[in-house]
């Protein structure tokens, strides 16, 4: 096993945080983090901001965070309703990704408008009715966008969603793993739950002694004997990448699927929802479904140049799984981010950190106490 680097008494400026590197004497840390997806990174940022010591275990077995297109959008566009806690999530998420970008010296957040294609006059009217609602007014433009792109099938035009964008999850996760590795905080191995020794005030794991362990394993929590009782129902999602030289799309187009421009005539298209298949393997059925829906949206030819799949950690009540193990007070879970992990991860990470460090009650809608042990 790779051991963390030993660094003593060194201070440096990282992002806007004054962060003190740790002397890992005897491998003592405040936290063990299991998983380095969106949830794990968001919690690491809480720890980094408050000068907590930590080590992250991740073997890249869970792909949902990297496969995700990374779109953040405060509106459920199928029904024109507000995403749960949308304003609170965005107010936290956007500054957090700016800080991470500075830390990694990479741009991770790319603001870009989302255009919802209207299929009828009735949908236009529903849009404008929704824009009058207090919670949706900041997010729905009341200006009808006419279609000027002959390669897009949109005779009724578009509605523009405000305060939207995309986090490049591949750059984010790969960059953050590299940062952790350089700092001696990453163990690139599978976490062995059977090797944990739980004591009154600490967690013993191999050569590590930690005050607490936080599991951010995504769908991998199904193999976690401490939290696998929770009703996390993985949903497979697939995306394809296409090359469409004539499309000339500069915004995210949302119809039956979304089409997201990456530049150089390359676009991500997604996503599918499969509640039965629990593999990370791309499927012919997923590809055909997405290709068919793209053809319903655009007129021009395109070529499929890539396909990816991952299992989203979804929960039956569509709320995250956050909280303390009912029997072990130094074990925690941060999971169930579903289809909107980019938006919700910083919010739930802050909720959990404040709960652990300052005994601040969790939002009851995300607290795992809502499910019996």
Protein backbone atom coordinates (compact mmCIF):
# COMPACT_ATOMS: atom_id res chain seq x y z
CA UNK A 1 0.00 0.00 0.00
CA UNK A 2 1.25 3.48 -0.82
CA UNK A 3 1.86 5.52 2.31
CA UNK A 4 1.11 9.25 2.58
CA UNK A 5 4.06 11.57 2.28
CA UNK A 6 5.41 12.94 5.54
CA UNK A 7 5.29 16.72 5.55
CA UNK A 8 5.85 18.85 8.62
CA UNK A 9 5.39 22.53 9.42
CA UNK A 10 4.84 23.70 5.85
CA UNK A 11 2.26 26.39 5.12
CA UNK A 12 1.14 27.46 1.71
CA UNK A 13 -1.67 29.30 -0.04
CA UNK A 14 -4.02 26.99 -1.93
CA UNK A 15 -7.02 28.53 -3.70
CA UNK A 16 -8.30 31.02 -1.13
CA UNK A 17 -7.70 28.67 1.81
CA UNK A 18 -4.73 28.91 4.12
CA UNK A 19 -4.04 25.21 4.46
CA UNK A 20 -1.62 23.51 6.82
CA UNK A 21 -0.08 20.26 5.68
CA UNK A 22 -0.04 17.50 8.23
CA UNK A 23 2.60 15.53 9.99
CA UNK A 24 1.23 12.02 9.48
CA UNK A 25 2.94 10.63 12.59
CA UNK A 26 1.67 7.10 13.04
CA UNK A 27 -0.77 7.64 10.15
CA UNK A 28 -3.15 9.59 12.40
CA UNK A 29 -5.76 11.64 10.54
CA UNK A 30 -9.07 13.26 11.29
CA UNK A 31 -10.93 11.54 8.45
CA UNK A 32 -10.76 8.58 6.11
CA UNK A 33 -12.76 9.26 2.95
CA UNK A 34 -13.86 6.35 0.79
CA UNK A 35 -14.59 7.42 -2.79
CA UNK A 36 -13.35 10.28 -4.95
CA UNK A 37 -16.37 11.14 -7.07
CA UNK A 38 -18.43 14.31 -6.78
CA UNK A 39 -19.49 13.58 -3.20
CA UNK A 40 -16.00 12.66 -2.02
CA UNK A 41 -14.39 15.70 -3.61
CA UNK A 42 -17.03 18.03 -2.16
CA UNK A 43 -16.40 16.64 1.33
CA UNK A 44 -12.63 16.88 0.89
CA UNK A 45 -13.11 20.56 0.10
CA UNK A 46 -14.97 21.02 3.37
CA UNK A 47 -12.09 19.37 5.20
CA UNK A 48 -9.48 21.36 3.31
CA UNK A 49 -11.27 24.61 4.08
CA UNK A 50 -11.23 23.83 7.81
CA UNK A 51 -7.68 22.45 8.05
CA UNK A 52 -8.76 18.88 8.78
CA UNK A 53 -6.39 16.01 8.00
CA UNK A 54 -7.60 13.25 5.72
CA UNK A 55 -6.72 10.39 3.39
CA UNK A 56 -8.86 9.29 0.43
CA UNK A 57 -9.29 5.69 -0.73
CA UNK A 58 -10.45 5.26 -4.31
CA UNK A 59 -9.90 2.56 -6.92
CA UNK A 60 -11.97 4.22 -9.69
CA UNK A 61 -14.48 1.38 -9.70
CA UNK A 62 -17.46 3.76 -9.77
CA UNK A 63 -17.87 5.67 -13.01
CA UNK A 64 -21.11 7.62 -12.64
CA UNK A 65 -19.45 10.93 -11.70
CA UNK A 66 -17.05 10.84 -14.65
CA UNK A 67 -19.64 9.59 -17.11
CA UNK A 68 -22.05 12.35 -16.07
CA UNK A 69 -22.25 15.24 -18.51
CA UNK A 70 -21.89 17.59 -15.55
CA UNK A 71 -24.75 19.92 -16.48
CA UNK A 72 -26.14 22.04 -13.68
CA UNK A 73 -29.66 23.29 -14.27
CA UNK A 74 -32.06 24.53 -11.57
CA UNK A 75 -35.24 23.54 -13.43
CA UNK A 76 -36.86 20.17 -14.10
CA UNK A 77 -37.54 20.77 -17.76
CA UNK A 78 -39.98 17.94 -18.30
CA UNK A 79 -42.53 19.58 -16.00
CA UNK A 80 -41.18 23.17 -15.65
CA UNK A 81 -40.73 22.84 -11.89
CA UNK A 82 -37.91 23.90 -9.58
CA UNK A 83 -35.16 21.46 -8.65
CA UNK A 84 -35.21 20.76 -4.90
CA UNK A 85 -33.22 23.45 -3.02
CA UNK A 86 -32.03 24.85 -6.35
CA UNK A 87 -31.02 28.31 -5.16
CA UNK A 88 -29.24 27.01 -2.06
CA UNK A 89 -27.39 24.45 -4.15
CA UNK A 90 -26.25 26.91 -6.82
CA UNK A 91 -25.21 29.54 -4.27
CA UNK A 92 -22.79 27.01 -2.79
CA UNK A 93 -21.75 25.09 -5.89
CA UNK A 94 -20.59 27.86 -8.23
CA UNK A 95 -18.06 29.40 -5.79
CA UNK A 96 -16.83 25.93 -4.78
CA UNK A 97 -16.02 24.94 -8.35
CA UNK A 98 -14.24 28.24 -8.86
CA UNK A 99 -12.04 27.46 -5.84
CA UNK A 100 -11.34 23.95 -7.11
CA UNK A 101 -10.44 25.33 -10.54
CA UNK A 102 -7.84 27.60 -8.95
CA UNK A 103 -6.52 24.71 -6.87
CA UNK A 104 -6.12 22.49 -9.93
CA UNK A 105 -5.09 25.35 -12.22
CA UNK A 106 -7.75 24.12 -14.63
CA UNK A 107 -11.10 25.52 -15.66
CA UNK A 108 -13.75 23.09 -14.45
CA UNK A 109 -16.90 25.25 -14.62
CA UNK A 110 -18.20 26.36 -18.02
CA UNK A 111 -21.31 28.56 -17.90
CA UNK A 112 -23.54 27.86 -20.90
CA UNK A 113 -27.24 28.52 -21.56
CA UNK A 114 -29.77 25.69 -21.71
CA UNK A 115 -32.44 26.02 -24.42
CA UNK A 116 -35.57 23.95 -23.86
CA UNK A 117 -37.18 23.12 -27.19
CA UNK A 118 -40.95 23.71 -27.26
CA UNK A 119 -43.07 21.13 -29.08
CA UNK A 120 -46.31 23.15 -29.13
CA UNK A 121 -47.94 26.47 -28.30
CA UNK A 122 -49.32 24.79 -25.18
CA UNK A 123 -45.77 24.15 -23.95
CA UNK A 124 -44.91 27.79 -24.55
CA UNK A 125 -47.87 28.83 -22.41
CA UNK A 126 -46.89 26.41 -19.64
CA UNK A 127 -43.38 27.88 -19.67
CA UNK A 128 -44.61 31.44 -19.24
CA UNK A 129 -47.02 30.39 -16.51
CA UNK A 130 -44.15 28.68 -14.68
CA UNK A 131 -41.97 31.79 -15.00
CA UNK A 132 -44.50 33.71 -12.91
CA UNK A 133 -43.87 31.46 -9.91
CA UNK A 134 -41.70 33.02 -7.22
CA UNK A 135 -39.23 30.12 -7.05
CA UNK A 136 -38.84 29.83 -10.84
CA UNK A 137 -38.79 33.49 -11.83
CA UNK A 138 -34.98 33.82 -11.38
CA UNK A 139 -34.35 30.83 -13.64
CA UNK A 140 -36.75 31.08 -16.58
CA UNK A 141 -36.34 33.76 -19.22
CA UNK A 142 -39.62 35.28 -20.38
CA UNK A 143 -38.24 36.03 -23.84
CA UNK A 144 -39.18 33.43 -26.43
CA UNK A 145 -36.11 32.39 -28.41
CA UNK A 146 -36.91 31.82 -32.08
CA UNK A 147 -35.09 29.07 -33.92
CA UNK A 148 -32.61 30.40 -36.48
CA UNK A 149 -30.69 27.16 -36.99
CA UNK A 150 -32.05 25.18 -39.91
CA UNK A 151 -30.32 22.04 -38.64
CA UNK A 152 -32.47 22.00 -35.47
CA UNK A 153 -36.10 20.89 -35.54
CA UNK A 154 -37.76 23.57 -33.40
CA UNK A 155 -40.69 25.32 -35.14
CA UNK A 156 -42.05 26.55 -31.79
CA UNK A 157 -38.71 27.93 -30.59
CA UNK A 158 -37.06 27.65 -27.21
CA UNK A 159 -37.21 28.80 -23.62
CA UNK A 160 -33.90 29.81 -22.07
CA UNK A 161 -32.97 28.55 -18.60
CA UNK A 162 -30.80 31.00 -16.66
CA UNK A 163 -27.87 30.29 -14.31
CA UNK A 164 -26.89 27.06 -16.04
CA UNK A 165 -23.61 25.52 -17.08
CA UNK A 166 -21.42 22.46 -17.17
CA UNK A 167 -18.72 21.15 -14.87
CA UNK A 168 -16.17 19.05 -16.74
CA UNK A 169 -16.31 16.07 -14.41
CA UNK A 170 -13.41 14.28 -16.09
CA UNK A 171 -11.09 17.26 -15.60
CA UNK A 172 -12.44 17.71 -12.08
CA UNK A 173 -12.00 14.13 -10.90
CA UNK A 174 -8.74 13.35 -12.71
CA UNK A 175 -7.29 16.66 -11.59
CA UNK A 176 -8.39 16.23 -8.00
CA UNK A 177 -6.99 12.71 -7.83
CA UNK A 178 -3.67 14.03 -9.13
CA UNK A 179 -3.70 16.77 -6.50
CA UNK A 180 -4.41 14.24 -3.74
CA UNK A 181 -1.69 11.93 -5.01
CA UNK A 182 0.90 14.73 -5.02
CA UNK A 183 -0.08 15.62 -1.46
CA UNK A 184 0.18 12.00 -0.34
CA UNK A 185 -3.53 11.84 0.44
CA UNK A 186 -4.67 9.28 -2.13
CA UNK A 187 -4.60 5.51 -1.74
CA UNK A 188 -5.52 4.02 -5.13
CA UNK A 189 -6.82 0.73 -3.80
CA UNK A 190 -10.18 -0.83 -3.07
CA UNK A 191 -11.32 -0.23 0.49
CA UNK A 192 -11.72 -3.43 2.50
CA UNK A 193 -14.67 -2.94 4.83
CA UNK A 194 -13.80 -6.13 6.71
CA UNK A 195 -10.50 -4.62 7.81
CA UNK A 196 -12.10 -1.83 9.85
CA UNK A 197 -11.76 -1.96 13.61
CA UNK A 198 -14.27 0.29 15.32
CA UNK A 199 -13.25 1.74 18.67
CA UNK A 200 -15.00 4.19 20.96
CA UNK A 201 -13.22 7.30 19.71
CA UNK A 202 -11.46 6.15 16.57
CA UNK A 203 -11.47 4.00 13.46
CA UNK A 204 -8.54 1.64 12.90
CA UNK A 205 -7.93 0.65 9.28
CA UNK A 206 -4.69 -1.12 8.42
CA UNK A 207 -1.94 1.33 9.45
CA UNK A 208 -4.34 4.28 9.71
CA UNK A 209 -5.99 5.70 12.81
CA UNK A 210 -8.79 8.16 12.15
CA UNK A 211 -11.40 9.92 14.23
CA UNK A 212 -14.04 9.27 11.57
CA UNK A 213 -14.71 7.56 8.25
CA UNK A 214 -17.03 8.94 5.57
CA UNK A 215 -18.28 6.64 2.81
CA UNK A 216 -18.82 8.39 -0.55
CA UNK A 217 -18.96 5.24 -2.64
CA UNK A 218 -21.87 5.88 -5.00
CA UNK A 219 -23.47 2.65 -6.16
CA UNK A 220 -20.53 0.84 -4.54
CA UNK A 221 -22.30 1.28 -1.20
CA UNK A 222 -24.28 -1.86 -2.09
CA UNK A 223 -21.13 -3.77 -1.02
CA UNK A 224 -20.71 -1.78 2.18
CA UNK A 225 -21.90 -3.91 5.13
CA UNK A 226 -22.49 -0.84 7.29
CA UNK A 227 -24.80 1.09 4.96
CA UNK A 228 -26.13 -1.42 2.41
CA UNK A 229 -29.47 -1.48 4.23
CA UNK A 230 -30.28 1.91 2.72
CA UNK A 231 -32.62 1.94 -0.32
CA UNK A 232 -30.15 3.07 -2.94
CA UNK A 233 -31.40 1.91 -6.34
CA UNK A 234 -28.76 2.31 -9.01
CA UNK A 235 -29.96 3.65 -12.35
CA UNK A 236 -27.77 3.03 -15.36
CA UNK A 237 -27.19 6.04 -17.56
CA UNK A 238 -25.53 6.12 -20.95
CA UNK A 239 -24.28 8.93 -23.14
CA UNK A 240 -22.88 9.05 -26.64
CA UNK A 241 -20.44 11.49 -28.17
CA UNK A 242 -21.17 12.61 -31.71
CA UNK A 243 -19.43 14.57 -34.43
CA UNK A 244 -21.85 16.87 -36.30
CA UNK A 245 -19.95 19.37 -38.50
CA UNK A 246 -23.08 21.18 -39.73
CA UNK A 247 -24.91 21.53 -36.42
CA UNK A 248 -23.19 24.70 -35.20
CA UNK A 249 -24.81 24.57 -31.76
CA UNK A 250 -23.51 26.99 -29.12
CA UNK A 251 -25.94 26.24 -26.28
CA UNK A 252 -27.15 23.10 -24.54
CA UNK A 253 -30.22 21.90 -26.42
CA UNK A 254 -32.81 20.04 -24.35
CA UNK A 255 -35.55 17.99 -25.93
CA UNK A 256 -36.13 14.27 -25.42
CA UNK A 257 -32.36 14.23 -24.76
CA UNK A 258 -29.80 16.96 -24.24
CA UNK A 259 -27.13 17.86 -26.77
CA UNK A 260 -24.13 19.56 -25.20
CA UNK A 261 -21.42 21.23 -27.33
CA UNK A 262 -17.79 20.50 -26.47
CA UNK A 263 -16.21 22.41 -29.36
CA UNK A 264 -14.76 21.33 -32.70
CA UNK A 265 -18.21 20.04 -33.81
CA UNK A 266 -18.21 17.45 -31.02
CA UNK A 267 -21.26 17.00 -28.75
CA UNK A 268 -22.29 14.85 -25.80
CA UNK A 269 -25.80 13.40 -26.02
CA UNK A 270 -27.65 11.94 -23.07
CA UNK A 271 -28.96 10.32 -21.23
CA UNK A 272 -30.71 6.99 -20.87
CA UNK A 273 -32.36 5.54 -17.75
CA UNK A 274 -32.18 1.80 -17.15
CA UNK A 275 -33.31 0.46 -13.77
CA UNK A 276 -32.43 -3.21 -14.45
CA UNK A 277 -28.92 -3.30 -15.92
CA UNK A 278 -26.33 -2.64 -13.18
CA UNK A 279 -23.22 -2.88 -15.35
CA UNK A 280 -20.92 -0.04 -16.43
CA UNK A 281 -20.73 -1.53 -19.93
CA UNK A 282 -22.19 0.58 -22.78
CA UNK A 283 -25.04 -1.17 -24.56
CA UNK A 284 -26.28 -1.33 -28.13
CA UNK A 285 -29.78 -0.59 -26.84
CA UNK A 286 -28.60 2.59 -25.17
CA UNK A 287 -26.77 3.73 -28.28
CA UNK A 288 -29.77 3.10 -30.52
CA UNK A 289 -32.11 4.92 -28.15
CA UNK A 290 -29.92 8.00 -28.07
CA UNK A 291 -29.28 8.00 -31.82
CA UNK A 292 -33.01 7.82 -32.45
CA UNK A 293 -33.73 10.74 -30.14
CA UNK A 294 -30.97 12.86 -31.70
CA UNK A 295 -32.58 12.35 -35.10
CA UNK A 296 -35.82 13.71 -33.68
CA UNK A 297 -34.01 16.94 -32.74
CA UNK A 298 -31.66 17.70 -35.63
CA UNK A 299 -31.66 17.48 -39.42
CA UNK A 300 -27.95 17.17 -40.17
CA UNK A 301 -25.85 14.03 -40.39
CA UNK A 302 -23.70 13.00 -37.46
CA UNK A 303 -21.28 10.25 -36.51
CA UNK A 304 -21.14 8.48 -33.14
CA UNK A 305 -17.53 8.63 -31.96
CA UNK A 306 -17.89 7.47 -28.36
CA UNK A 307 -20.19 5.95 -25.76
CA UNK A 308 -20.02 5.72 -21.96
CA UNK A 309 -22.11 4.24 -19.18
CA UNK A 310 -22.31 4.44 -15.38
CA UNK A 311 -24.63 3.60 -12.51
CA UNK A 312 -26.20 6.65 -10.88
CA UNK A 313 -26.69 6.38 -7.11
CA UNK A 314 -30.43 7.09 -7.00
CA UNK A 315 -32.82 6.85 -4.06
CA UNK A 316 -36.52 6.02 -4.13
CA UNK A 317 -37.57 9.37 -2.63
CA UNK A 318 -35.12 11.31 -4.83
CA UNK A 319 -33.21 12.74 -1.90
CA UNK A 320 -29.57 12.14 -0.95
CA UNK A 321 -28.42 9.73 1.74
CA UNK A 322 -26.53 11.69 4.38
CA UNK A 323 -25.88 11.00 8.02
CA UNK A 324 -24.47 8.90 10.85
CA UNK A 325 -24.58 5.14 11.15
CA UNK A 326 -27.28 4.21 13.69
CA UNK A 327 -24.87 2.12 15.79
CA UNK A 328 -21.41 3.57 15.08
CA UNK A 329 -21.15 7.28 15.85
CA UNK A 330 -17.87 7.76 13.97
CA UNK A 331 -19.14 6.32 10.65
CA UNK A 332 -20.92 8.47 8.09
CA UNK A 333 -22.38 8.31 4.61
CA UNK A 334 -22.56 10.90 1.82
CA UNK A 335 -24.34 9.32 -1.14
CA UNK A 336 -27.46 9.18 -3.30
CA UNK A 337 -26.77 12.30 -5.34
CA UNK A 338 -28.73 10.89 -8.27
CA UNK A 339 -28.80 12.74 -11.58
CA UNK A 340 -27.84 16.17 -10.25
CA UNK A 341 -24.62 15.43 -8.40
CA UNK A 342 -22.75 18.49 -9.68
CA UNK A 343 -25.31 20.83 -8.14
CA UNK A 344 -26.07 19.01 -4.93
CA UNK A 345 -22.66 17.71 -3.84
CA UNK A 346 -21.35 20.93 -2.22
CA UNK A 347 -24.65 21.43 -0.37
CA UNK A 348 -24.82 17.96 1.16
CA UNK A 349 -21.09 17.99 1.94
CA UNK A 350 -21.50 21.18 3.93
CA UNK A 351 -24.56 19.75 5.67
CA UNK A 352 -22.62 16.67 6.76
CA UNK A 353 -19.53 18.60 7.85
CA UNK A 354 -21.56 20.97 9.99
CA UNK A 355 -23.44 18.04 11.49
CA UNK A 356 -20.24 16.20 12.41
CA UNK A 357 -18.13 19.11 13.62
CA UNK A 358 -20.75 21.39 15.14
CA UNK A 359 -23.71 19.04 15.80
CA UNK A 360 -25.87 21.11 13.46
CA UNK A 361 -29.00 19.11 12.59
CA UNK A 362 -29.15 17.80 9.03
CA UNK A 363 -31.94 18.82 6.73
CA UNK A 364 -34.41 16.02 7.62
CA UNK A 365 -35.12 15.39 3.94
CA UNK A 366 -31.58 14.08 3.43
CA UNK A 367 -30.99 12.47 6.82
CA UNK A 368 -30.75 8.67 6.64
CA UNK A 369 -32.78 8.53 9.85
CA UNK A 370 -35.80 8.61 7.58
CA UNK A 371 -35.06 4.95 6.78
CA UNK A 372 -35.09 2.26 9.45
CA UNK A 373 -31.98 0.21 10.19
